[in-house]
Amino acid sequence: MINPARHEEYPSSNGEAPFVLNIDIERTPNKVSTEQNWHDELEIELCTEGEGEVLLDGKSYPFCKGDVIIVNSGVLHHTGSSARIVYTCLIPRLDLCRTVGLDPTRLCFEPLVRDVELAELIVALARAETDSSTLLFRCELLLRILLLVESRYTLPDAE
């Protein structure tokens, strides 16, 4: 059962990486978050194993290996599975997005996409994170991800 929502806050980077990256989040019926959450930041999830669903403002989207979910700013969301799902979750910090001209609070993106290039960039960022690659290289990958999302998946009525 999904419980009431919680608001998550991601402060500006202040010398840290300008993104939050959670790799290999696993959800099963026995290992699941029971809360929906929302935040001002964009969230990009890549399913790497299994299948499940993502709720976005109450609408259910199937989520399986290779799918990318783009959670828009302020959208109440929850990822889960009746079996098993593993995914990577990328949350670029709001200050970086605004600095490069991509304000997720003013734009809206397609919620579910299947894009091999985008998936490969997210995997590369996860690999760079675990390999302790330089922050500069990780930021380059992040910017490539943001550019791709903005150029391919911005909905026309945004802004």
C-alpha atoms as a PDB file:
ATOM      1  CA  MET A   1       0.000   0.000   0.000  1.00  0.00           C
ATOM      2  CA  ILE A   2       1.267   3.460  -0.900  1.00  0.00           C
ATOM      3  CA  ASN A   3       1.146   5.954   1.958  1.00  0.00           C
ATOM      4  CA  PRO A   4       0.942   9.746   1.877  1.00  0.00           C
ATOM      5  CA  ALA A   5       3.518  11.687  -0.116  1.00  0.00           C
ATOM      6  CA  ARG A   6       6.687  13.321   1.091  1.00  0.00           C
ATOM      7  CA  HIS A   7       8.465  16.332  -0.332  1.00  0.00           C
ATOM      8  CA  GLU A   8      12.166  15.774  -1.026  1.00  0.00           C
ATOM      9  CA  GLU A   9      14.624  18.662  -1.096  1.00  0.00           C
ATOM     10  CA  TYR A  10      17.925  18.690  -2.945  1.00  0.00           C
ATOM     11  CA  PRO A  11      19.951  21.759  -1.957  1.00  0.00           C
ATOM     12  CA  SER A  12      22.301  23.423  -4.414  1.00  0.00           C
ATOM     13  CA  SER A  13      25.546  21.580  -5.018  1.00  0.00           C
ATOM     14  CA  ASN A  14      27.889  23.892  -3.031  1.00  0.00           C
ATOM     15  CA  GLY A  15      31.056  22.194  -4.209  1.00  0.00           C
ATOM     16  CA  GLU A  16      29.549  18.723  -4.447  1.00  0.00           C
ATOM     17  CA  ALA A  17      28.547  16.917  -7.608  1.00  0.00           C
ATOM     18  CA  PRO A  18      25.691  18.836  -9.265  1.00  0.00           C
ATOM     19  CA  PHE A  19      23.534  15.712  -9.301  1.00  0.00           C
ATOM     20  CA  VAL A  20      22.331  12.856  -7.140  1.00  0.00           C
ATOM     21  CA  LEU A  21      22.841   9.417  -8.633  1.00  0.00           C
ATOM     22  CA  ASN A  22      21.421   6.277  -7.041  1.00  0.00           C
ATOM     23  CA  ILE A  23      22.581   3.147  -8.824  1.00  0.00           C
ATOM     24  CA  ASP A  24      20.888  -0.265  -8.699  1.00  0.00           C
ATOM     25  CA  ILE A  25      17.849   0.617  -6.621  1.00  0.00           C
ATOM     26  CA  GLU A  26      15.995  -2.656  -6.149  1.00  0.00           C
ATOM     27  CA  ARG A  27      12.272  -2.937  -5.527  1.00  0.00           C
ATOM     28  CA  THR A  28      10.403  -6.163  -4.790  1.00  0.00           C
ATOM     29  CA  PRO A  29       7.098  -6.758  -2.997  1.00  0.00           C
ATOM     30  CA  ASN A  30       9.121  -7.126   0.226  1.00  0.00           C
ATOM     31  CA  LYS A  31      11.596  -4.319  -0.488  1.00  0.00           C
ATOM     32  CA  VAL A  32       9.600  -1.291  -1.534  1.00  0.00           C
ATOM     33  CA  SER A  33       9.146   2.327  -0.593  1.00  0.00           C
ATOM     34  CA  THR A  34       5.599   2.901   0.616  1.00  0.00           C
ATOM     35  CA  GLU A  35       5.627   6.651  -0.019  1.00  0.00           C
ATOM     36  CA  GLN A  36       5.176   8.667  -3.147  1.00  0.00           C
ATOM     37  CA  ASN A  37       7.435  11.698  -3.301  1.00  0.00           C
ATOM     38  CA  TRP A  38       7.842  14.904  -5.234  1.00  0.00           C
ATOM     39  CA  HIS A  39      10.492  17.569  -5.709  1.00  0.00           C
ATOM     40  CA  ASP A  40      11.277  20.559  -7.896  1.00  0.00           C
ATOM     41  CA  GLU A  41      14.130  18.766  -9.640  1.00  0.00           C
ATOM     42  CA  LEU A  42      13.881  16.694 -12.777  1.00  0.00           C
ATOM     43  CA  GLU A  43      14.324  12.951 -12.163  1.00  0.00           C
ATOM     44  CA  ILE A  44      15.474  10.475 -14.787  1.00  0.00           C
ATOM     45  CA  GLU A  45      15.139   6.746 -14.093  1.00  0.00           C
ATOM     46  CA  LEU A  46      16.594   3.941 -16.206  1.00  0.00           C
ATOM     47  CA  CYS A  47      15.286   0.399 -15.697  1.00  0.00           C
ATOM     48  CA  THR A  48      18.255  -1.984 -15.807  1.00  0.00           C
ATOM     49  CA  GLU A  49      16.570  -5.272 -14.778  1.00  0.00           C
ATOM     50  CA  GLY A  50      13.098  -6.696 -14.350  1.00  0.00           C
ATOM     51  CA  GLU A  51       9.837  -4.861 -14.708  1.00  0.00           C
ATOM     52  CA  GLY A  52       7.428  -2.824 -12.679  1.00  0.00           C
ATOM     53  CA  GLU A  53       5.502   0.371 -12.859  1.00  0.00           C
ATOM     54  CA  VAL A  54       5.966   4.049 -12.178  1.00  0.00           C
ATOM     55  CA  LEU A  55       3.094   6.157 -10.911  1.00  0.00           C
ATOM     56  CA  LEU A  56       3.249   9.771 -12.094  1.00  0.00           C
ATOM     57  CA  ASP A  57       0.504  11.934 -10.565  1.00  0.00           C
ATOM     58  CA  GLY A  58      -1.630   8.800 -10.268  1.00  0.00           C
ATOM     59  CA  LYS A  59      -1.122   7.577 -13.849  1.00  0.00           C
ATOM     60  CA  SER A  60       0.598   4.199 -14.156  1.00  0.00           C
ATOM     61  CA  TYR A  61       3.398   3.622 -16.687  1.00  0.00           C
ATOM     62  CA  PRO A  62       4.873   0.157 -17.320  1.00  0.00           C
ATOM     63  CA  PHE A  63       8.618   0.197 -16.679  1.00  0.00           C
ATOM     64  CA  CYS A  64      10.913  -2.545 -17.997  1.00  0.00           C
ATOM     65  CA  LYS A  65      14.561  -3.022 -18.928  1.00  0.00           C
ATOM     66  CA  GLY A  66      15.761  -0.253 -21.233  1.00  0.00           C
ATOM     67  CA  ASP A  67      12.884   2.127 -20.469  1.00  0.00           C
ATOM     68  CA  VAL A  68      13.594   5.643 -19.257  1.00  0.00           C
ATOM     69  CA  ILE A  69      11.113   7.525 -17.107  1.00  0.00           C
ATOM     70  CA  ILE A  70      11.401  11.306 -16.986  1.00  0.00           C
ATOM     71  CA  VAL A  71       9.726  12.635 -13.860  1.00  0.00           C
ATOM     72  CA  ASN A  72       8.799  16.271 -14.322  1.00  0.00           C
ATOM     73  CA  SER A  73       9.213  18.883 -11.617  1.00  0.00           C
ATOM     74  CA  GLY A  74       6.523  18.745  -8.954  1.00  0.00           C
ATOM     75  CA  VAL A  75       5.099  15.415 -10.121  1.00  0.00           C
ATOM     76  CA  LEU A  76       4.078  12.993  -7.386  1.00  0.00           C
ATOM     77  CA  HIS A  77       5.800   9.708  -8.217  1.00  0.00           C
ATOM     78  CA  HIS A  78       6.494   6.190  -7.031  1.00  0.00           C
ATOM     79  CA  THR A  79       8.371   3.253  -8.577  1.00  0.00           C
ATOM     80  CA  GLY A  80       7.546  -0.309  -7.620  1.00  0.00           C
ATOM     81  CA  SER A  81       7.092  -3.872  -8.778  1.00  0.00           C
ATOM     82  CA  SER A  82       4.963  -6.893  -8.006  1.00  0.00           C
ATOM     83  CA  ALA A  83       8.032  -9.028  -8.854  1.00  0.00           C
ATOM     84  CA  ARG A  84      11.478  -7.372  -9.066  1.00  0.00           C
ATOM     85  CA  ILE A  85      12.830  -4.237 -10.686  1.00  0.00           C
ATOM     86  CA  VAL A  86      16.270  -2.625 -10.588  1.00  0.00           C
ATOM     87  CA  TYR A  87      16.813   0.919 -11.770  1.00  0.00           C
ATOM     88  CA  THR A  88      19.202   3.841 -11.686  1.00  0.00           C
ATOM     89  CA  CYS A  89      17.876   7.208 -10.587  1.00  0.00           C
ATOM     90  CA  LEU A  90      19.494  10.492 -11.670  1.00  0.00           C
ATOM     91  CA  ILE A  91      18.444  13.814 -10.149  1.00  0.00           C
ATOM     92  CA  PRO A  92      20.316  16.808 -11.587  1.00  0.00           C
ATOM     93  CA  ARG A  93      20.419  19.650  -9.081  1.00  0.00           C
ATOM     94  CA  LEU A  94      18.131  22.557  -9.843  1.00  0.00           C
ATOM     95  CA  ASP A  95      20.899  25.173  -9.709  1.00  0.00           C
ATOM     96  CA  LEU A  96      22.880  23.406 -12.449  1.00  0.00           C
ATOM     97  CA  CYS A  97      19.819  22.939 -14.661  1.00  0.00           C
ATOM     98  CA  ARG A  98      18.923  26.608 -14.366  1.00  0.00           C
ATOM     99  CA  THR A  99      22.521  27.673 -15.009  1.00  0.00           C
ATOM    100  CA  VAL A 100      22.571  25.802 -18.325  1.00  0.00           C
ATOM    101  CA  GLY A 101      19.137  27.117 -19.336  1.00  0.00           C
ATOM    102  CA  LEU A 102      17.042  24.055 -18.604  1.00  0.00           C
ATOM    103  CA  ASP A 103      14.622  25.006 -15.836  1.00  0.00           C
ATOM    104  CA  PRO A 104      12.573  21.881 -15.056  1.00  0.00           C
ATOM    105  CA  THR A 105      10.007  23.973 -13.179  1.00  0.00           C
ATOM    106  CA  ARG A 106       9.154  25.690 -16.496  1.00  0.00           C
ATOM    107  CA  LEU A 107       9.506  22.777 -18.913  1.00  0.00           C
ATOM    108  CA  CYS A 108       7.614  19.531 -19.312  1.00  0.00           C
ATOM    109  CA  PHE A 109       9.037  16.327 -20.776  1.00  0.00           C
ATOM    110  CA  GLU A 110       7.620  13.105 -22.188  1.00  0.00           C
ATOM    111  CA  PRO A 111       7.279  10.729 -19.239  1.00  0.00           C
ATOM    112  CA  LEU A 112       8.226   7.367 -20.789  1.00  0.00           C
ATOM    113  CA  VAL A 113      10.808   6.936 -23.522  1.00  0.00           C
ATOM    114  CA  ARG A 114      12.889   4.162 -25.004  1.00  0.00           C
ATOM    115  CA  ASP A 115      16.121   5.728 -26.205  1.00  0.00           C
ATOM    116  CA  VAL A 116      19.245   3.607 -26.530  1.00  0.00           C
ATOM    117  CA  GLU A 117      21.572   6.622 -26.612  1.00  0.00           C
ATOM    118  CA  LEU A 118      20.032   8.108 -23.462  1.00  0.00           C
ATOM    119  CA  ALA A 119      20.203   4.751 -21.678  1.00  0.00           C
ATOM    120  CA  GLU A 120      23.868   4.338 -22.666  1.00  0.00           C
ATOM    121  CA  LEU A 121      24.700   7.810 -21.316  1.00  0.00           C
ATOM    122  CA  ILE A 122      23.032   7.012 -17.985  1.00  0.00           C
ATOM    123  CA  VAL A 123      24.932   3.702 -17.789  1.00  0.00           C
ATOM    124  CA  ALA A 124      28.171   5.546 -18.623  1.00  0.00           C
ATOM    125  CA  LEU A 125      27.489   8.069 -15.847  1.00  0.00           C
ATOM    126  CA  ALA A 126      26.817   5.255 -13.368  1.00  0.00           C
ATOM    127  CA  ARG A 127      30.041   3.542 -14.431  1.00  0.00           C
ATOM    128  CA  ALA A 128      31.984   6.824 -14.114  1.00  0.00           C
ATOM    129  CA  GLU A 129      30.520   7.308 -10.647  1.00  0.00           C
ATOM    130  CA  THR A 130      31.569   3.843  -9.447  1.00  0.00           C
ATOM    131  CA  ASP A 131      34.995   4.106 -11.148  1.00  0.00           C
ATOM    132  CA  SER A 132      35.629   7.424  -9.386  1.00  0.00           C
ATOM    133  CA  SER A 133      36.123   9.227 -12.680  1.00  0.00           C
ATOM    134  CA  THR A 134      36.792  12.936 -12.447  1.00  0.00           C
ATOM    135  CA  LEU A 135      33.941  15.229 -11.566  1.00  0.00           C
ATOM    136  CA  LEU A 136      34.563  17.073 -14.828  1.00  0.00           C
ATOM    137  CA  PHE A 137      33.984  13.876 -16.845  1.00  0.00           C
ATOM    138  CA  ARG A 138      30.834  13.024 -14.855  1.00  0.00           C
ATOM    139  CA  CYS A 139      29.514  16.559 -15.410  1.00  0.00           C
ATOM    140  CA  GLU A 140      30.187  16.219 -19.141  1.00  0.00           C
ATOM    141  CA  LEU A 141      28.049  13.076 -19.203  1.00  0.00           C
ATOM    142  CA  LEU A 142      25.334  14.794 -17.181  1.00  0.00           C
ATOM    143  CA  LEU A 143      25.259  17.733 -19.597  1.00  0.00           C
ATOM    144  CA  ARG A 144      25.009  15.361 -22.558  1.00  0.00           C
ATOM    145  CA  ILE A 145      22.057  13.640 -20.842  1.00  0.00           C
ATOM    146  CA  LEU A 146      20.329  16.963 -20.185  1.00  0.00           C
ATOM    147  CA  LEU A 147      20.905  18.167 -23.739  1.00  0.00           C
ATOM    148  CA  LEU A 148      19.481  14.965 -25.163  1.00  0.00           C
ATOM    149  CA  VAL A 149      16.415  15.078 -22.886  1.00  0.00           C
ATOM    150  CA  GLU A 150      15.797  18.744 -23.678  1.00  0.00           C
ATOM    151  CA  SER A 151      16.254  18.384 -27.437  1.00  0.00           C
ATOM    152  CA  ARG A 152      14.238  15.172 -27.913  1.00  0.00           C
ATOM    153  CA  TYR A 153      11.636  15.034 -25.170  1.00  0.00           C
ATOM    154  CA  THR A 154      10.476  18.565 -24.320  1.00  0.00           C
ATOM    155  CA  LEU A 155       6.744  18.715 -24.903  1.00  0.00           C
ATOM    156  CA  PRO A 156       5.657  21.530 -27.243  1.00  0.00           C
ATOM    157  CA  ASP A 157       3.327  23.273 -24.772  1.00  0.00           C
ATOM    158  CA  ALA A 158       6.138  23.642 -22.210  1.00  0.00           C
ATOM    159  CA  GLU A 159       6.934  27.153 -20.961  1.00  0.00           C
END
